[in-house]
Amino acid sequence: MQQSISEAMYYILLSLLQPAYGYEMMKGIKELSGGRIEMGPGTMYGIISRMKKDGLIEQGTMNNDDRRKIYLLTEEGKEVLVNEYKRLKLLVKDGVCLEDLL
């Protein structure tokens, strides 16, 4: 069974459902989380570096003239993201008994 990933990793992978530059990713994460998460560049690029080494994302450019780095999900990254989503859904399902406490 796959280990769970951190919340920051989940949102980075989620933000890369469409290839994006770093700044676009930070904006996307804030938007996806409803403003709950504002990821700074230091945190984000540290996680990106680790996920590149783990083969979850890859780096490229949009064209030969563009020096900005664009990030893309690999097939393995998509699989990890989907598995984490399924895991989180099960956690919520299992916790439905808590509704009476809310």
N, C-alpha and C. Protein backbone atom coordinates (compact mmCIF):
# COMPACT_ATOMS: atom_id res chain seq x y z
N MET A 1 0.83 -1.19 0.00
CA MET A 1 0.00 0.00 0.00
C MET A 1 0.88 1.25 0.00
N GLN A 2 0.50 2.20 -0.81
CA GLN A 2 1.26 3.44 -0.94
C GLN A 2 1.14 4.29 0.31
N GLN A 3 2.22 4.91 0.71
CA GLN A 3 2.19 5.85 1.82
C GLN A 3 1.41 7.09 1.41
N SER A 4 0.81 7.77 2.38
CA SER A 4 0.13 9.02 2.06
C SER A 4 1.18 10.09 1.78
N ILE A 5 0.77 11.11 1.06
CA ILE A 5 1.66 12.23 0.76
C ILE A 5 1.23 13.43 1.60
N SER A 6 2.11 14.40 1.72
CA SER A 6 1.78 15.58 2.52
C SER A 6 0.73 16.43 1.80
N GLU A 7 0.08 17.28 2.56
CA GLU A 7 -0.91 18.19 2.00
C GLU A 7 -0.27 19.08 0.93
N ALA A 8 0.93 19.57 1.19
CA ALA A 8 1.62 20.43 0.22
C ALA A 8 1.90 19.67 -1.08
N MET A 9 2.35 18.43 -0.96
CA MET A 9 2.61 17.62 -2.15
C MET A 9 1.32 17.38 -2.93
N TYR A 10 0.24 17.10 -2.21
CA TYR A 10 -1.05 16.87 -2.86
C TYR A 10 -1.46 18.09 -3.68
N TYR A 11 -1.36 19.27 -3.08
CA TYR A 11 -1.77 20.47 -3.80
C TYR A 11 -0.84 20.82 -4.96
N ILE A 12 0.42 20.53 -4.83
CA ILE A 12 1.33 20.75 -5.96
C ILE A 12 0.94 19.83 -7.11
N LEU A 13 0.74 18.55 -6.83
CA LEU A 13 0.33 17.61 -7.88
C LEU A 13 -1.02 18.02 -8.48
N LEU A 14 -1.94 18.42 -7.64
CA LEU A 14 -3.26 18.84 -8.10
C LEU A 14 -3.15 20.07 -9.01
N SER A 15 -2.27 20.99 -8.66
CA SER A 15 -2.10 22.20 -9.47
C SER A 15 -1.47 21.90 -10.82
N LEU A 16 -0.85 20.73 -10.94
CA LEU A 16 -0.18 20.37 -12.19
C LEU A 16 -1.03 19.46 -13.09
N LEU A 17 -2.32 19.42 -12.85
CA LEU A 17 -3.18 18.71 -13.80
C LEU A 17 -3.06 19.36 -15.18
N GLN A 18 -2.70 20.63 -15.17
CA GLN A 18 -2.32 21.35 -16.39
C GLN A 18 -0.89 21.84 -16.16
N PRO A 19 0.02 21.66 -17.13
CA PRO A 19 1.39 22.15 -16.95
C PRO A 19 1.40 23.61 -16.52
N ALA A 20 2.33 23.97 -15.63
CA ALA A 20 2.35 25.33 -15.09
C ALA A 20 3.76 25.76 -14.70
N TYR A 21 3.94 27.08 -14.70
CA TYR A 21 5.16 27.69 -14.16
C TYR A 21 5.00 27.79 -12.65
N GLY A 22 6.09 28.04 -11.96
CA GLY A 22 6.06 28.12 -10.51
C GLY A 22 5.05 29.13 -9.97
N TYR A 23 5.04 30.34 -10.52
CA TYR A 23 4.11 31.36 -10.04
C TYR A 23 2.67 30.94 -10.29
N GLU A 24 2.42 30.33 -11.43
CA GLU A 24 1.07 29.84 -11.73
C GLU A 24 0.65 28.76 -10.73
N MET A 25 1.60 27.94 -10.34
CA MET A 25 1.32 26.88 -9.36
C MET A 25 0.92 27.49 -8.02
N MET A 26 1.67 28.51 -7.58
CA MET A 26 1.36 29.15 -6.30
C MET A 26 -0.04 29.77 -6.34
N LYS A 27 -0.37 30.43 -7.43
CA LYS A 27 -1.71 31.01 -7.58
C LYS A 27 -2.76 29.91 -7.62
N GLY A 28 -2.48 28.84 -8.36
CA GLY A 28 -3.42 27.72 -8.48
C GLY A 28 -3.69 27.04 -7.16
N ILE A 29 -2.65 26.87 -6.36
CA ILE A 29 -2.80 26.23 -5.05
C ILE A 29 -3.68 27.08 -4.14
N LYS A 30 -3.45 28.38 -4.16
CA LYS A 30 -4.28 29.28 -3.35
C LYS A 30 -5.74 29.21 -3.79
N GLU A 31 -5.94 29.17 -5.10
CA GLU A 31 -7.30 29.10 -5.64
C GLU A 31 -7.96 27.75 -5.32
N LEU A 32 -7.24 26.66 -5.56
CA LEU A 32 -7.78 25.32 -5.30
C LEU A 32 -8.17 25.13 -3.84
N SER A 33 -7.42 25.74 -2.94
CA SER A 33 -7.67 25.58 -1.51
C SER A 33 -8.62 26.64 -0.96
N GLY A 34 -9.19 27.44 -1.82
CA GLY A 34 -10.10 28.49 -1.36
C GLY A 34 -9.39 29.53 -0.51
N GLY A 35 -8.10 29.75 -0.78
CA GLY A 35 -7.32 30.73 -0.03
C GLY A 35 -6.75 30.20 1.27
N ARG A 36 -7.03 28.97 1.59
CA ARG A 36 -6.56 28.36 2.85
C ARG A 36 -5.06 28.14 2.85
N ILE A 37 -4.50 27.85 1.67
CA ILE A 37 -3.06 27.56 1.58
C ILE A 37 -2.39 28.57 0.67
N GLU A 38 -1.43 29.27 1.22
CA GLU A 38 -0.58 30.17 0.43
C GLU A 38 0.84 29.62 0.53
N MET A 39 1.25 28.90 -0.49
CA MET A 39 2.54 28.24 -0.47
C MET A 39 3.62 29.21 -0.94
N GLY A 40 4.63 29.36 -0.13
CA GLY A 40 5.76 30.21 -0.50
C GLY A 40 6.71 29.50 -1.44
N PRO A 41 7.53 30.28 -2.14
CA PRO A 41 8.44 29.68 -3.12
C PRO A 41 9.45 28.72 -2.50
N GLY A 42 9.95 29.03 -1.31
CA GLY A 42 10.93 28.14 -0.67
C GLY A 42 10.36 26.76 -0.41
N THR A 43 9.17 26.72 0.15
CA THR A 43 8.50 25.45 0.42
C THR A 43 8.20 24.72 -0.88
N MET A 44 7.63 25.45 -1.82
CA MET A 44 7.21 24.83 -3.07
C MET A 44 8.40 24.25 -3.84
N TYR A 45 9.47 25.04 -4.01
CA TYR A 45 10.60 24.55 -4.80
C TYR A 45 11.36 23.43 -4.10
N GLY A 46 11.36 23.41 -2.77
CA GLY A 46 11.94 22.28 -2.05
C GLY A 46 11.19 20.99 -2.34
N ILE A 47 9.86 21.09 -2.32
CA ILE A 47 9.03 19.91 -2.59
C ILE A 47 9.14 19.51 -4.05
N ILE A 48 9.17 20.49 -4.95
CA ILE A 48 9.32 20.20 -6.38
C ILE A 48 10.62 19.43 -6.62
N SER A 49 11.69 19.86 -5.99
CA SER A 49 12.98 19.19 -6.16
C SER A 49 12.88 17.72 -5.76
N ARG A 50 12.25 17.47 -4.62
CA ARG A 50 12.09 16.08 -4.14
C ARG A 50 11.21 15.28 -5.09
N MET A 51 10.11 15.89 -5.55
CA MET A 51 9.19 15.16 -6.42
C MET A 51 9.80 14.90 -7.80
N LYS A 52 10.68 15.78 -8.26
CA LYS A 52 11.40 15.50 -9.51
C LYS A 52 12.30 14.28 -9.33
N LYS A 53 13.02 14.23 -8.20
CA LYS A 53 13.89 13.08 -7.92
C LYS A 53 13.10 11.78 -7.82
N ASP A 54 11.88 11.89 -7.28
CA ASP A 54 11.02 10.70 -7.12
C ASP A 54 10.27 10.34 -8.40
N GLY A 55 10.42 11.15 -9.45
CA GLY A 55 9.78 10.85 -10.73
C GLY A 55 8.30 11.19 -10.81
N LEU A 56 7.83 12.06 -9.89
CA LEU A 56 6.41 12.41 -9.90
C LEU A 56 6.10 13.58 -10.82
N ILE A 57 7.09 14.45 -11.02
CA ILE A 57 6.93 15.57 -11.95
C ILE A 57 8.19 15.68 -12.78
N GLU A 58 8.07 16.39 -13.89
CA GLU A 58 9.24 16.67 -14.72
C GLU A 58 9.23 18.14 -15.09
N GLN A 59 10.35 18.60 -15.57
CA GLN A 59 10.54 20.00 -15.88
C GLN A 59 10.79 20.16 -17.37
N GLY A 60 10.27 21.23 -17.94
CA GLY A 60 10.50 21.51 -19.35
C GLY A 60 10.34 22.99 -19.60
N THR A 61 10.26 23.37 -20.86
CA THR A 61 9.99 24.74 -21.26
C THR A 61 8.90 24.72 -22.31
N MET A 62 8.19 25.83 -22.45
CA MET A 62 7.12 25.92 -23.45
C MET A 62 7.69 25.99 -24.86
N ASN A 63 8.80 26.70 -25.02
CA ASN A 63 9.47 26.79 -26.32
C ASN A 63 10.95 27.06 -26.09
N ASN A 64 11.72 27.01 -27.14
CA ASN A 64 13.17 27.15 -27.02
C ASN A 64 13.61 28.52 -26.52
N ASP A 65 12.80 29.55 -26.74
CA ASP A 65 13.17 30.91 -26.33
C ASP A 65 12.81 31.21 -24.88
N ASP A 66 12.00 30.39 -24.29
CA ASP A 66 11.48 30.64 -22.95
C ASP A 66 12.41 30.03 -21.92
N ARG A 67 12.95 30.86 -21.03
CA ARG A 67 13.85 30.36 -19.99
C ARG A 67 13.10 29.94 -18.74
N ARG A 68 11.82 30.29 -18.65
CA ARG A 68 11.04 29.89 -17.48
C ARG A 68 10.83 28.38 -17.49
N LYS A 69 10.85 27.83 -16.31
CA LYS A 69 10.67 26.38 -16.17
C LYS A 69 9.19 26.07 -15.99
N ILE A 70 8.74 25.13 -16.77
CA ILE A 70 7.37 24.66 -16.64
C ILE A 70 7.42 23.26 -16.04
N TYR A 71 6.45 22.94 -15.22
CA TYR A 71 6.41 21.66 -14.55
C TYR A 71 5.21 20.86 -15.04
N LEU A 72 5.41 19.55 -15.17
CA LEU A 72 4.38 18.65 -15.68
C LEU A 72 4.31 17.41 -14.81
N LEU A 73 3.11 16.85 -14.68
CA LEU A 73 2.95 15.58 -13.99
C LEU A 73 3.45 14.44 -14.86
N THR A 74 4.12 13.49 -14.26
CA THR A 74 4.45 12.26 -14.96
C THR A 74 3.29 11.28 -14.76
N GLU A 75 3.34 10.17 -15.47
CA GLU A 75 2.30 9.15 -15.26
C GLU A 75 2.32 8.66 -13.82
N GLU A 76 3.51 8.51 -13.26
CA GLU A 76 3.62 8.08 -11.86
C GLU A 76 3.03 9.14 -10.93
N GLY A 77 3.27 10.41 -11.24
CA GLY A 77 2.70 11.50 -10.45
C GLY A 77 1.18 11.49 -10.48
N LYS A 78 0.61 11.24 -11.66
CA LYS A 78 -0.85 11.16 -11.79
C LYS A 78 -1.39 10.00 -10.94
N GLU A 79 -0.69 8.89 -10.98
CA GLU A 79 -1.12 7.72 -10.21
C GLU A 79 -1.08 8.01 -8.71
N VAL A 80 -0.02 8.65 -8.25
CA VAL A 80 0.09 9.00 -6.83
C VAL A 80 -1.03 9.95 -6.43
N LEU A 81 -1.32 10.94 -7.28
CA LEU A 81 -2.39 11.90 -7.01
C LEU A 81 -3.75 11.21 -6.91
N VAL A 82 -4.05 10.35 -7.86
CA VAL A 82 -5.34 9.64 -7.86
C VAL A 82 -5.44 8.73 -6.64
N ASN A 83 -4.38 8.02 -6.31
CA ASN A 83 -4.40 7.14 -5.13
C ASN A 83 -4.60 7.93 -3.85
N GLU A 84 -3.97 9.09 -3.76
CA GLU A 84 -4.15 9.92 -2.57
C GLU A 84 -5.58 10.44 -2.48
N TYR A 85 -6.15 10.82 -3.60
CA TYR A 85 -7.55 11.27 -3.64
C TYR A 85 -8.48 10.16 -3.14
N LYS A 86 -8.25 8.94 -3.62
CA LYS A 86 -9.07 7.81 -3.18
C LYS A 86 -8.91 7.57 -1.68
N ARG A 87 -7.68 7.68 -1.19
CA ARG A 87 -7.41 7.48 0.23
C ARG A 87 -8.15 8.53 1.06
N LEU A 88 -8.11 9.77 0.62
CA LEU A 88 -8.78 10.86 1.34
C LEU A 88 -10.29 10.68 1.34
N LYS A 89 -10.84 10.23 0.23
CA LYS A 89 -12.28 9.97 0.16
C LYS A 89 -12.68 8.90 1.17
N LEU A 90 -11.87 7.86 1.31
CA LEU A 90 -12.16 6.81 2.29
C LEU A 90 -12.11 7.36 3.72
N LEU A 91 -11.15 8.24 3.99
CA LEU A 91 -11.06 8.84 5.32
C LEU A 91 -12.33 9.62 5.65
N VAL A 92 -12.82 10.39 4.69
CA VAL A 92 -14.04 11.16 4.91
C VAL A 92 -15.23 10.24 5.09
N LYS A 93 -15.31 9.21 4.27
CA LYS A 93 -16.41 8.23 4.38
C LYS A 93 -16.40 7.56 5.76
N ASP A 94 -15.21 7.18 6.20
CA ASP A 94 -15.11 6.52 7.50
C ASP A 94 -15.46 7.46 8.65
N GLY A 95 -15.27 8.74 8.45
CA GLY A 95 -15.53 9.70 9.50
C GLY A 95 -16.92 10.30 9.50
N VAL A 96 -17.80 9.78 8.65
CA VAL A 96 -19.16 10.32 8.57
C VAL A 96 -19.87 10.25 9.91
N CYS A 97 -19.48 9.36 10.77
CA CYS A 97 -20.09 9.23 12.09
C CYS A 97 -19.87 10.49 12.94
N LEU A 98 -18.95 11.33 12.54
CA LEU A 98 -18.67 12.56 13.29
C LEU A 98 -19.68 13.67 13.00
N GLU A 99 -20.52 13.48 11.98
CA GLU A 99 -21.48 14.52 11.60
C GLU A 99 -22.36 14.95 12.78
N ASP A 100 -22.70 14.04 13.65
CA ASP A 100 -23.54 14.36 14.79
C ASP A 100 -22.82 15.29 15.79
N LEU A 101 -21.51 15.33 15.73
CA LEU A 101 -20.74 16.19 16.63
C LEU A 101 -20.61 17.61 16.11
N LEU A 102 -20.94 17.82 14.86
CA LEU A 102 -20.77 19.15 14.25
C LEU A 102 -21.94 20.06 14.51
